PDB file of N, CA and C in Angstrom:
ATOM      1  N   UNK A   1      39.894-106.389  39.071  1.00  0.00           N
ATOM      2  CA  UNK A   1      38.441-105.835  39.524  1.00  0.00           C
ATOM      3  C   UNK A   1      39.405-104.220  40.728  1.00  0.00           C
ATOM      4  N   UNK A   2      37.946-103.794  39.428  1.00  0.00           N
ATOM      5  CA  UNK A   2      37.924-102.681  40.373  1.00  0.00           C
ATOM      6  C   UNK A   2      37.826-102.510  41.440  1.00  0.00           C
ATOM      7  N   UNK A   3      38.248-101.375  42.128  1.00  0.00           N
ATOM      8  CA  UNK A   3      37.516-100.467  43.920  1.00  0.00           C
ATOM      9  C   UNK A   3      35.899-100.854  43.520  1.00  0.00           C
ATOM     10  N   UNK A   4      35.338-101.428  44.766  1.00  0.00           N
ATOM     11  CA  UNK A   4      34.089-101.634  44.764  1.00  0.00           C
ATOM     12  C   UNK A   4      33.189-101.233  45.760  1.00  0.00           C
ATOM     13  N   UNK A   5      32.423-100.120  46.471  1.00  0.00           N
ATOM     14  CA  UNK A   5      32.382 -99.078  46.600  1.00  0.00           C
ATOM     15  C   UNK A   5      30.664 -99.370  47.426  1.00  0.00           C
ATOM     16  N   UNK A   6      30.765 -99.627  48.542  1.00  0.00           N
ATOM     17  CA  UNK A   6      29.451 -99.406  49.134  1.00  0.00           C
ATOM     18  C   UNK A   6      29.165 -98.811  50.467  1.00  0.00           C
ATOM     19  N   UNK A   7      27.782 -98.013  50.687  1.00  0.00           N
ATOM     20  CA  UNK A   7      27.503 -97.618  52.020  1.00  0.00           C
ATOM     21  C   UNK A   7      26.760 -97.199  52.915  1.00  0.00           C
ATOM     22  N   UNK A   8      26.162 -97.493  53.687  1.00  0.00           N
ATOM     23  CA  UNK A   8      25.822 -97.898  54.727  1.00  0.00           C
ATOM     24  C   UNK A   8      25.956 -97.065  56.093  1.00  0.00           C
ATOM     25  N   UNK A   9      24.441 -96.211  55.982  1.00  0.00           N
ATOM     26  CA  UNK A   9      23.605 -95.209  56.911  1.00  0.00           C
ATOM     27  C   UNK A   9      22.841 -95.531  57.611  1.00  0.00           C
ATOM     28  N   UNK A  10      23.031 -95.024  58.596  1.00  0.00           N
ATOM     29  CA  UNK A  10      21.941 -95.812  59.837  1.00  0.00           C
ATOM     30  C   UNK A  10      21.695 -97.141  60.416  1.00  0.00           C
ATOM     31  N   UNK A  11      21.597 -97.962  61.184  1.00  0.00           N
ATOM     32  CA  UNK A  11      21.673 -99.433  61.428  1.00  0.00           C
ATOM     33  C   UNK A  11      21.299 -99.789  60.242  1.00  0.00           C
ATOM     34  N   UNK A  12      22.122-100.806  59.785  1.00  0.00           N
ATOM     35  CA  UNK A  12      21.966-102.162  58.189  1.00  0.00           C
ATOM     36  C   UNK A  12      22.525-102.304  57.722  1.00  0.00           C
ATOM     37  N   UNK A  13      22.347-103.315  56.865  1.00  0.00           N
ATOM     38  CA  UNK A  13      23.735-103.856  56.004  1.00  0.00           C
ATOM     39  C   UNK A  13      23.821-104.064  54.670  1.00  0.00           C
ATOM     40  N   UNK A  14      25.079-103.484  54.105  1.00  0.00           N
ATOM     41  CA  UNK A  14      25.129-103.453  52.787  1.00  0.00           C
ATOM     42  C   UNK A  14      24.382-104.413  51.897  1.00  0.00           C
ATOM     43  N   UNK A  15      24.614-104.741  50.095  1.00  0.00           N
ATOM     44  CA  UNK A  15      24.596-105.812  49.660  1.00  0.00           C
ATOM     45  C   UNK A  15      25.279-107.282  49.327  1.00  0.00           C
ATOM     46  N   UNK A  16      25.611-108.926  49.581  1.00  0.00           N
ATOM     47  CA  UNK A  16      27.076-108.374  49.524  1.00  0.00           C
ATOM     48  C   UNK A  16      27.701-107.922  47.822  1.00  0.00           C
ATOM     49  N   UNK A  17      28.818-108.078  48.487  1.00  0.00           N
ATOM     50  CA  UNK A  17      29.738-107.655  46.945  1.00  0.00           C
ATOM     51  C   UNK A  17      30.457-109.419  46.810  1.00  0.00           C
ATOM     52  N   UNK A  18      30.172-109.875  45.738  1.00  0.00           N
ATOM     53  CA  UNK A  18      30.988-111.380  45.387  1.00  0.00           C
ATOM     54  C   UNK A  18      32.029-110.944  45.588  1.00  0.00           C
ATOM     55  N   UNK A  19      32.696-112.526  45.626  1.00  0.00           N
ATOM     56  CA  UNK A  19      33.978-111.866  45.338  1.00  0.00           C
ATOM     57  C   UNK A  19      34.506-113.186  44.599  1.00  0.00           C
ATOM     58  N   UNK A  20      35.612-113.475  43.630  1.00  0.00           N
ATOM     59  CA  UNK A  20      36.223-114.406  42.573  1.00  0.00           C
ATOM     60  C   UNK A  20      37.054-114.949  43.761  1.00  0.00           C
ATOM     61  N   UNK A  21      36.442-115.819  43.738  1.00  0.00           N
ATOM     62  CA  UNK A  21      37.246-117.396  44.255  1.00  0.00           C
ATOM     63  C   UNK A  21      37.624-117.473  43.753  1.00  0.00           C
ATOM     64  N   UNK A  22      37.986-118.045  42.418  1.00  0.00           N
ATOM     65  CA  UNK A  22      39.117-118.970  41.974  1.00  0.00           C
ATOM     66  C   UNK A  22      40.520-118.018  41.414  1.00  0.00           C
ATOM     67  N   UNK A  23      40.548-116.559  41.397  1.00  0.00           N
ATOM     68  CA  UNK A  23      42.034-115.685  41.657  1.00  0.00           C
ATOM     69  C   UNK A  23      42.770-116.495  42.677  1.00  0.00           C
ATOM     70  N   UNK A  24      44.181-116.727  41.713  1.00  0.00           N
ATOM     71  CA  UNK A  24      45.285-116.857  42.534  1.00  0.00           C
ATOM     72  C   UNK A  24      46.783-116.240  42.683  1.00  0.00           C
ATOM     73  N   UNK A  25      46.797-115.275  43.801  1.00  0.00           N
ATOM     74  CA  UNK A  25      45.890-115.580  45.208  1.00  0.00           C
ATOM     75  C   UNK A  25      44.963-114.714  44.862  1.00  0.00           C
ATOM     76  N   UNK A  26      44.182-114.803  45.727  1.00  0.00           N
ATOM     77  CA  UNK A  26      43.184-114.565  46.495  1.00  0.00           C
ATOM     78  C   UNK A  26      42.757-113.224  46.853  1.00  0.00           C
ATOM     79  N   UNK A  27      43.597-113.077  47.556  1.00  0.00           N
ATOM     80  CA  UNK A  27      44.070-111.021  47.397  1.00  0.00           C
ATOM     81  C   UNK A  27      43.200-109.901  47.930  1.00  0.00           C
ATOM     82  N   UNK A  28      42.196-110.115  49.529  1.00  0.00           N
ATOM     83  CA  UNK A  28      41.248-109.440  48.772  1.00  0.00           C
ATOM     84  C   UNK A  28      41.578-108.028  49.808  1.00  0.00           C
ATOM     85  N   UNK A  29      42.128-106.681  49.675  1.00  0.00           N
ATOM     86  CA  UNK A  29      41.651-105.717  50.260  1.00  0.00           C
ATOM     87  C   UNK A  29      40.794-105.772  50.682  1.00  0.00           C
ATOM     88  N   UNK A  30      40.266-104.275  51.489  1.00  0.00           N
ATOM     89  CA  UNK A  30      39.269-104.202  52.322  1.00  0.00           C
ATOM     90  C   UNK A  30      39.433-102.947  52.966  1.00  0.00           C
ATOM     91  N   UNK A  31      39.059-101.724  53.010  1.00  0.00           N
ATOM     92  CA  UNK A  31      39.452-100.381  53.805  1.00  0.00           C
ATOM     93  C   UNK A  31      37.941-100.242  54.329  1.00  0.00           C
ATOM     94  N   UNK A  32      37.634-100.021  55.780  1.00  0.00           N
ATOM     95  CA  UNK A  32      36.304 -98.646  56.164  1.00  0.00           C
ATOM     96  C   UNK A  32      36.384 -97.364  56.101  1.00  0.00           C
ATOM     97  N   UNK A  33      35.352 -96.348  55.274  1.00  0.00           N
ATOM     98  CA  UNK A  33      35.944 -95.240  55.964  1.00  0.00           C
ATOM     99  C   UNK A  33      34.876 -94.825  57.187  1.00  0.00           C
ATOM    100  N   UNK A  34      35.220 -94.356  57.758  1.00  0.00           N
ATOM    101  CA  UNK A  34      33.566 -93.554  59.057  1.00  0.00           C
ATOM    102  C   UNK A  34      32.978 -92.912  58.110  1.00  0.00           C
ATOM    103  N   UNK A  35      31.839 -92.376  58.273  1.00  0.00           N
ATOM    104  CA  UNK A  35      30.491 -91.532  58.545  1.00  0.00           C
ATOM    105  C   UNK A  35      30.074 -90.993  59.319  1.00  0.00           C
ATOM    106  N   UNK A  36      30.432 -90.261  59.846  1.00  0.00           N
ATOM    107  CA  UNK A  36      29.959 -89.617  61.890  1.00  0.00           C
ATOM    108  C   UNK A  36      30.867 -91.221  62.692  1.00  0.00           C
ATOM    109  N   UNK A  37      29.710 -91.237  63.762  1.00  0.00           N
ATOM    110  CA  UNK A  37      30.460 -92.037  64.103  1.00  0.00           C
ATOM    111  C   UNK A  37      30.033 -93.576  65.023  1.00  0.00           C
ATOM    112  N   UNK A  38      29.868 -93.407  63.221  1.00  0.00           N
ATOM    113  CA  UNK A  38      29.475 -95.366  64.205  1.00  0.00           C
ATOM    114  C   UNK A  38      29.605 -96.502  63.883  1.00  0.00           C
ATOM    115  N   UNK A  39      28.911 -97.260  64.441  1.00  0.00           N
ATOM    116  CA  UNK A  39      29.793 -98.555  64.794  1.00  0.00           C
ATOM    117  C   UNK A  39      29.511 -99.593  63.517  1.00  0.00           C
ATOM    118  N   UNK A  40      30.729-100.648  63.055  1.00  0.00           N
ATOM    119  CA  UNK A  40      30.660-101.565  62.184  1.00  0.00           C
ATOM    120  C   UNK A  40      31.148-102.733  62.293  1.00  0.00           C
ATOM    121  N   UNK A  41      30.937-103.632  61.106  1.00  0.00           N
ATOM    122  CA  UNK A  41      31.774-104.717  61.124  1.00  0.00           C
ATOM    123  C   UNK A  41      31.674-105.384  60.078  1.00  0.00           C
ATOM    124  N   UNK A  42      32.686-105.733  58.923  1.00  0.00           N
ATOM    125  CA  UNK A  42      33.266-106.167  58.196  1.00  0.00           C
ATOM    126  C   UNK A  42      32.529-108.017  57.960  1.00  0.00           C
ATOM    127  N   UNK A  43      31.322-108.615  57.484  1.00  0.00           N
ATOM    128  CA  UNK A  43      31.549-109.815  57.618  1.00  0.00           C
ATOM    129  C   UNK A  43      31.722-110.562  56.109  1.00  0.00           C
ATOM    130  N   UNK A  44      31.825-111.538  56.377  1.00  0.00           N
ATOM    131  CA  UNK A  44      32.335-112.874  54.908  1.00  0.00           C
ATOM    132  C   UNK A  44      31.152-114.048  55.140  1.00  0.00           C
ATOM    133  N   UNK A  45      31.317-114.316  54.056  1.00  0.00           N
ATOM    134  CA  UNK A  45      30.144-115.099  53.688  1.00  0.00           C
ATOM    135  C   UNK A  45      30.935-117.250  52.789  1.00  0.00           C
ATOM    136  N   UNK A  46      31.272-118.130  53.402  1.00  0.00           N
ATOM    137  CA  UNK A  46      31.105-118.704  52.355  1.00  0.00           C
ATOM    138  C   UNK A  46      29.617-119.328  51.173  1.00  0.00           C
ATOM    139  N   UNK A  47      29.057-119.171  52.292  1.00  0.00           N
ATOM    140  CA  UNK A  47      28.061-119.596  50.869  1.00  0.00           C
ATOM    141  C   UNK A  47      27.709-119.113  49.507  1.00  0.00           C
ATOM    142  N   UNK A  48      26.864-120.228  48.433  1.00  0.00           N
ATOM    143  CA  UNK A  48      26.954-119.290  47.519  1.00  0.00           C
ATOM    144  C   UNK A  48      25.931-117.904  46.691  1.00  0.00           C
ATOM    145  N   UNK A  49      26.645-117.386  46.205  1.00  0.00           N
ATOM    146  CA  UNK A  49      25.957-116.254  46.818  1.00  0.00           C
ATOM    147  C   UNK A  49      25.713-116.349  44.800  1.00  0.00           C
ATOM    148  N   UNK A  50      25.923-117.562  43.916  1.00  0.00           N
ATOM    149  CA  UNK A  50      24.913-117.314  42.269  1.00  0.00           C
ATOM    150  C   UNK A  50      24.613-118.235  43.167  1.00  0.00           C
ATOM    151  N   UNK A  51      23.393-118.942  43.712  1.00  0.00           N
ATOM    152  CA  UNK A  51      22.607-119.727  43.729  1.00  0.00           C
ATOM    153  C   UNK A  51      21.457-118.674  43.734  1.00  0.00           C
ATOM    154  N   UNK A  52      20.934-118.962  42.331  1.00  0.00           N
ATOM    155  CA  UNK A  52      19.299-118.234  42.762  1.00  0.00           C
ATOM    156  C   UNK A  52      18.650-118.379  43.724  1.00  0.00           C
ATOM    157  N   UNK A  53      18.712-119.630  45.238  1.00  0.00           N
ATOM    158  CA  UNK A  53      18.430-119.437  46.324  1.00  0.00           C
ATOM    159  C   UNK A  53      18.493-118.495  46.950  1.00  0.00           C
ATOM    160  N   UNK A  54      19.640-117.679  46.913  1.00  0.00           N
ATOM    161  CA  UNK A  54      20.501-117.437  47.891  1.00  0.00           C
ATOM    162  C   UNK A  54      19.799-116.413  48.546  1.00  0.00           C
ATOM    163  N   UNK A  55      19.485-116.049  49.917  1.00  0.00           N
ATOM    164  CA  UNK A  55      19.505-114.570  50.353  1.00  0.00           C
ATOM    165  C   UNK A  55      20.008-114.290  51.908  1.00  0.00           C
ATOM    166  N   UNK A  56      20.249-113.316  51.678  1.00  0.00           N
ATOM    167  CA  UNK A  56      21.391-112.674  51.982  1.00  0.00           C
ATOM    168  C   UNK A  56      21.050-112.489  54.013  1.00  0.00           C
ATOM    169  N   UNK A  57      19.449-112.887  54.204  1.00  0.00           N
ATOM    170  CA  UNK A  57      18.969-112.562  55.456  1.00  0.00           C
ATOM    171  C   UNK A  57      19.015-114.264  55.967  1.00  0.00           C
ATOM    172  N   UNK A  58      19.204-115.287  55.349  1.00  0.00           N
ATOM    173  CA  UNK A  58      19.105-116.645  55.475  1.00  0.00           C
ATOM    174  C   UNK A  58      20.547-117.341  55.236  1.00  0.00           C
ATOM    175  N   UNK A  59      21.818-116.915  54.766  1.00  0.00           N
ATOM    176  CA  UNK A  59      23.345-116.770  54.611  1.00  0.00           C
ATOM    177  C   UNK A  59      23.863-116.692  56.187  1.00  0.00           C
ATOM    178  N   UNK A  60      24.742-117.874  56.313  1.00  0.00           N
ATOM    179  CA  UNK A  60      25.726-117.538  57.230  1.00  0.00           C
ATOM    180  C   UNK A  60      26.934-117.246  57.289  1.00  0.00           C
ATOM    181  N   UNK A  61      26.936-116.008  58.134  1.00  0.00           N
ATOM    182  CA  UNK A  61      27.566-114.695  58.255  1.00  0.00           C
ATOM    183  C   UNK A  61      28.676-114.815  58.744  1.00  0.00           C
ATOM    184  N   UNK A  62      30.080-114.458  59.125  1.00  0.00           N
ATOM    185  CA  UNK A  62      31.106-114.665  60.075  1.00  0.00           C
ATOM    186  C   UNK A  62      31.648-112.981  60.060  1.00  0.00           C
ATOM    187  N   UNK A  63      31.816-112.769  60.955  1.00  0.00           N
ATOM    188  CA  UNK A  63      32.226-111.237  60.574  1.00  0.00           C
ATOM    189  C   UNK A  63      34.138-111.042  61.173  1.00  0.00           C
ATOM    190  N   UNK A  64      34.409-110.947  60.449  1.00  0.00           N
ATOM    191  CA  UNK A  64      36.142-110.060  60.067  1.00  0.00           C
ATOM    192  C   UNK A  64      36.739-110.237  61.850  1.00  0.00           C
ATOM    193  N   UNK A  65      38.146-111.055  61.340  1.00  0.00           N
ATOM    194  CA  UNK A  65      38.590-111.541  62.616  1.00  0.00           C
ATOM    195  C   UNK A  65      38.710-110.001  63.549  1.00  0.00           C
ATOM    196  N   UNK A  66      39.363-108.956  62.364  1.00  0.00           N
ATOM    197  CA  UNK A  66      40.038-107.991  63.159  1.00  0.00           C
ATOM    198  C   UNK A  66      38.744-106.302  63.027  1.00  0.00           C
ATOM    199  N   UNK A  67      37.925-106.937  61.803  1.00  0.00           N
ATOM    200  CA  UNK A  67      37.568-105.496  61.643  1.00  0.00           C
ATOM    201  C   UNK A  67      35.683-105.247  61.852  1.00  0.00           C
ATOM    202  N   UNK A  68      36.130-106.026  63.505  1.00  0.00           N
ATOM    203  CA  UNK A  68      34.057-106.235  63.987  1.00  0.00           C
ATOM    204  C   UNK A  68      34.563-105.139  65.099  1.00  0.00           C
ATOM    205  N   UNK A  69      33.156-104.361  65.133  1.00  0.00           N
ATOM    206  CA  UNK A  69      33.312-103.457  67.055  1.00  0.00           C
ATOM    207  C   UNK A  69      33.795-101.860  66.330  1.00  0.00           C
ATOM    208  N   UNK A  70      34.113-101.864  65.334  1.00  0.00           N
ATOM    209  CA  UNK A  70      34.811-100.683  65.700  1.00  0.00           C
ATOM    210  C   UNK A  70      34.329 -99.265  65.236  1.00  0.00           C
ATOM    211  N   UNK A  71      34.822 -98.006  65.352  1.00  0.00           N
ATOM    212  CA  UNK A  71      34.580 -96.817  65.474  1.00  0.00           C
ATOM    213  C   UNK A  71      34.856 -95.838  65.004  1.00  0.00           C
ATOM    214  N   UNK A  72      35.887 -96.129  64.573  1.00  0.00           N
ATOM    215  CA  UNK A  72      37.361 -94.988  63.301  1.00  0.00           C
ATOM    216  C   UNK A  72      37.452 -96.156  62.379  1.00  0.00           C
ATOM    217  N   UNK A  73      38.327 -95.284  60.830  1.00  0.00           N
ATOM    218  CA  UNK A  73      38.556 -95.911  59.425  1.00  0.00           C
ATOM    219  C   UNK A  73      39.686 -97.264  60.498  1.00  0.00           C
ATOM    220  N   UNK A  74      39.651 -97.809  58.858  1.00  0.00           N
ATOM    221  CA  UNK A  74      39.703 -99.569  59.544  1.00  0.00           C
ATOM    222  C   UNK A  74      40.084 -99.777  58.042  1.00  0.00           C
ATOM    223  N   UNK A  75      41.809-100.923  57.967  1.00  0.00           N
ATOM    224  CA  UNK A  75      42.104-101.485  56.913  1.00  0.00           C
ATOM    225  C   UNK A  75      41.863-103.199  57.572  1.00  0.00           C
ATOM    226  N   UNK A  76      42.505-104.286  56.069  1.00  0.00           N
ATOM    227  CA  UNK A  76      42.812-105.536  56.055  1.00  0.00           C
ATOM    228  C   UNK A  76      42.039-106.277  55.197  1.00  0.00           C
ATOM    229  N   UNK A  77      42.320-107.232  56.069  1.00  0.00           N
ATOM    230  CA  UNK A  77      42.722-108.207  54.200  1.00  0.00           C
ATOM    231  C   UNK A  77      41.749-109.700  54.911  1.00  0.00           C
ATOM    232  N   UNK A  78      41.990-109.899  53.381  1.00  0.00           N
ATOM    233  CA  UNK A  78      41.138-111.600  52.733  1.00  0.00           C
ATOM    234  C   UNK A  78      41.976-111.951  52.589  1.00  0.00           C
ATOM    235  N   UNK A  79      42.693-113.287  52.976  1.00  0.00           N
ATOM    236  CA  UNK A  79      44.423-113.887  51.814  1.00  0.00           C
ATOM    237  C   UNK A  79      43.463-115.281  51.759  1.00  0.00           C
ATOM    238  N   UNK A  80      42.568-115.549  52.330  1.00  0.00           N
ATOM    239  CA  UNK A  80      42.483-116.765  51.268  1.00  0.00           C
ATOM    240  C   UNK A  80      40.175-117.189  51.360  1.00  0.00           C
ATOM    241  N   UNK A  81      39.714-117.692  49.804  1.00  0.00           N
ATOM    242  CA  UNK A  81      39.033-117.321  49.522  1.00  0.00           C
ATOM    243  C   UNK A  81      37.212-117.844  50.110  1.00  0.00           C
ATOM    244  N   UNK A  82      36.980-116.537  50.336  1.00  0.00           N
ATOM    245  CA  UNK A  82      35.125-116.128  50.501  1.00  0.00           C
ATOM    246  C   UNK A  82      34.634-115.872  49.826  1.00  0.00           C
ATOM    247  N   UNK A  83      33.514-116.094  49.705  1.00  0.00           N
ATOM    248  CA  UNK A  83      31.963-115.953  48.306  1.00  0.00           C
ATOM    249  C   UNK A  83      31.617-115.178  48.506  1.00  0.00           C
ATOM    250  N   UNK A  84      31.734-113.914  49.089  1.00  0.00           N
ATOM    251  CA  UNK A  84      31.609-112.859  48.764  1.00  0.00           C
ATOM    252  C   UNK A  84      31.478-112.074  51.097  1.00  0.00           C
ATOM    253  N   UNK A  85      31.394-110.565  50.699  1.00  0.00           N
ATOM    254  CA  UNK A  85      31.493-109.336  51.778  1.00  0.00           C
ATOM    255  C   UNK A  85      30.650-108.445  51.842  1.00  0.00           C
ATOM    256  N   UNK A  86      30.658-108.002  53.356  1.00  0.00           N
ATOM    257  CA  UNK A  86      29.352-107.177  53.235  1.00  0.00           C
ATOM    258  C   UNK A  86      29.462-106.226  54.683  1.00  0.00           C
ATOM    259  N   UNK A  87      29.252-105.178  54.714  1.00  0.00           N
ATOM    260  CA  UNK A  87      29.352-104.232  55.563  1.00  0.00           C
ATOM    261  C   UNK A  87      28.196-103.946  56.211  1.00  0.00           C
ATOM    262  N   UNK A  88      28.255-104.233  57.916  1.00  0.00           N
ATOM    263  CA  UNK A  88      27.348-103.757  59.022  1.00  0.00           C
ATOM    264  C   UNK A  88      26.939-102.958  59.690  1.00  0.00           C
ATOM    265  N   UNK A  89      26.385-101.462  60.138  1.00  0.00           N
ATOM    266  CA  UNK A  89      26.845-100.997  60.397  1.00  0.00           C
ATOM    267  C   UNK A  89      25.793-101.925  61.956  1.00  0.00           C
ATOM    268  N   UNK A  90      26.462-101.194  63.068  1.00  0.00           N
ATOM    269  CA  UNK A  90      25.053-101.920  63.614  1.00  0.00           C
ATOM    270  C   UNK A  90      24.858-101.364  64.829  1.00  0.00           C
ATOM    271  N   UNK A  91      25.355 -99.686  64.814  1.00  0.00           N
ATOM    272  CA  UNK A  91      24.925 -98.749  66.180  1.00  0.00           C
ATOM    273  C   UNK A  91      25.470 -96.898  65.130  1.00  0.00           C
ATOM    274  N   UNK A  92      23.823 -96.535  65.275  1.00  0.00           N
ATOM    275  CA  UNK A  92      24.531 -94.392  64.655  1.00  0.00           C
ATOM    276  C   UNK A  92      23.882 -94.222  65.531  1.00  0.00           C
ATOM    277  N   UNK A  93      24.210 -93.795  66.393  1.00  0.00           N
ATOM    278  CA  UNK A  93      23.161 -92.134  66.386  1.00  0.00           C
ATOM    279  C   UNK A  93      22.627 -91.562  66.772  1.00  0.00           C
ATOM    280  N   UNK A  94      22.485 -90.990  65.066  1.00  0.00           N
ATOM    281  CA  UNK A  94      22.019 -90.607  63.680  1.00  0.00           C
ATOM    282  C   UNK A  94      21.420 -90.967  62.251  1.00  0.00           C
ATOM    283  N   UNK A  95      20.524 -91.366  61.731  1.00  0.00           N
ATOM    284  CA  UNK A  95      20.764 -91.406  60.822  1.00  0.00           C
ATOM    285  C   UNK A  95      21.293 -90.945  59.443  1.00  0.00           C
ATOM    286  N   UNK A  96      22.278 -89.806  60.445  1.00  0.00           N
ATOM    287  CA  UNK A  96      23.348 -89.660  59.005  1.00  0.00           C
ATOM    288  C   UNK A  96      25.024 -90.232  58.779  1.00  0.00           C
ATOM    289  N   UNK A  97      24.798 -91.106  60.311  1.00  0.00           N
ATOM    290  CA  UNK A  97      26.822 -91.690  60.513  1.00  0.00           C
ATOM    291  C   UNK A  97      26.120 -93.438  59.910  1.00  0.00           C
ATOM    292  N   UNK A  98      27.289 -93.644  59.385  1.00  0.00           N
ATOM    293  CA  UNK A  98      27.565 -94.606  59.104  1.00  0.00           C
ATOM    294  C   UNK A  98      29.063 -95.092  58.588  1.00  0.00           C
ATOM    295  N   UNK A  99      29.287 -96.174  57.637  1.00  0.00           N
ATOM    296  CA  UNK A  99      30.316 -96.177  56.414  1.00  0.00           C
ATOM    297  C   UNK A  99      31.152 -96.772  54.718  1.00  0.00           C
ATOM    298  N   UNK A 100      31.720 -96.497  54.687  1.00  0.00           N
ATOM    299  CA  UNK A 100      32.083 -96.619  53.118  1.00  0.00           C
ATOM    300  C   UNK A 100      32.884 -97.290  53.192  1.00  0.00           C
ATOM    301  N   UNK A 101      32.735 -98.982  53.044  1.00  0.00           N
ATOM    302  CA  UNK A 101      33.635-100.063  52.855  1.00  0.00           C
ATOM    303  C   UNK A 101      33.621-100.220  50.837  1.00  0.00           C
ATOM    304  N   UNK A 102      35.513 -99.718  51.158  1.00  0.00           N
ATOM    305  CA  UNK A 102      35.654-100.361  49.602  1.00  0.00           C
ATOM    306  C   UNK A 102      37.031-101.222  49.508  1.00  0.00           C
ATOM    307  N   UNK A 103      36.349-102.111  48.017  1.00  0.00           N
ATOM    308  CA  UNK A 103      36.621-103.650  48.089  1.00  0.00           C
ATOM    309  C   UNK A 103      37.202-103.684  47.043  1.00  0.00           C
ATOM    310  N   UNK A 104      38.927-104.193  47.508  1.00  0.00           N
ATOM    311  CA  UNK A 104      39.631-104.172  46.091  1.00  0.00           C
ATOM    312  C   UNK A 104      40.398-105.653  45.945  1.00  0.00           C
ATOM    313  N   UNK A 105      40.017-107.010  44.649  1.00  0.00           N
ATOM    314  CA  UNK A 105      40.683-107.174  44.699  1.00  0.00           C
ATOM    315  C   UNK A 105      41.891-107.619  43.447  1.00  0.00           C
ATOM    316  N   UNK A 106      42.847-108.539  43.992  1.00  0.00           N
ATOM    317  CA  UNK A 106      43.667-109.162  42.464  1.00  0.00           C
ATOM    318  C   UNK A 106      44.562-110.548  42.860  1.00  0.00           C
ATOM    319  N   UNK A 107      44.401-110.487  41.648  1.00  0.00           N
ATOM    320  CA  UNK A 107      44.792-111.888  41.041  1.00  0.00           C
ATOM    321  C   UNK A 107      45.417-112.317  39.489  1.00  0.00           C
ATOM    322  N   UNK A 108      45.212-114.019  39.518  1.00  0.00           N
ATOM    323  CA  UNK A 108      45.318-114.032  38.735  1.00  0.00           C
ATOM    324  C   UNK A 108      44.159-115.449  38.016  1.00  0.00           C
ATOM    325  N   UNK A 109      43.637-115.241  37.261  1.00  0.00           N
ATOM    326  CA  UNK A 109      43.176-116.702  36.879  1.00  0.00           C
ATOM    327  C   UNK A 109      43.928-117.407  35.685  1.00  0.00           C
TER     328      UNK A 109
END
């Protein structure tokens, strides 16, 4: 998988980034780079993002254990399968503040 990057400015959430849960090992690397002084969290879901009835607002989102409530650059990973990840900016002092999430997945089918 090529790196996928999404940027969220102000208080908002990104679109879900689907993960390939069938890769072995799953190996999902995550990096977050700050834009200003916002606070953010990385979240994941186990809901089926490919189901036509899926809506991000109705999905159950879980906070990443070490990438939540942060206001500095950070990185982490998921060692076990999740359906999708997203970036949530929870606080920003201006409309220009936010964060960029980079997701990179490796593994063998």
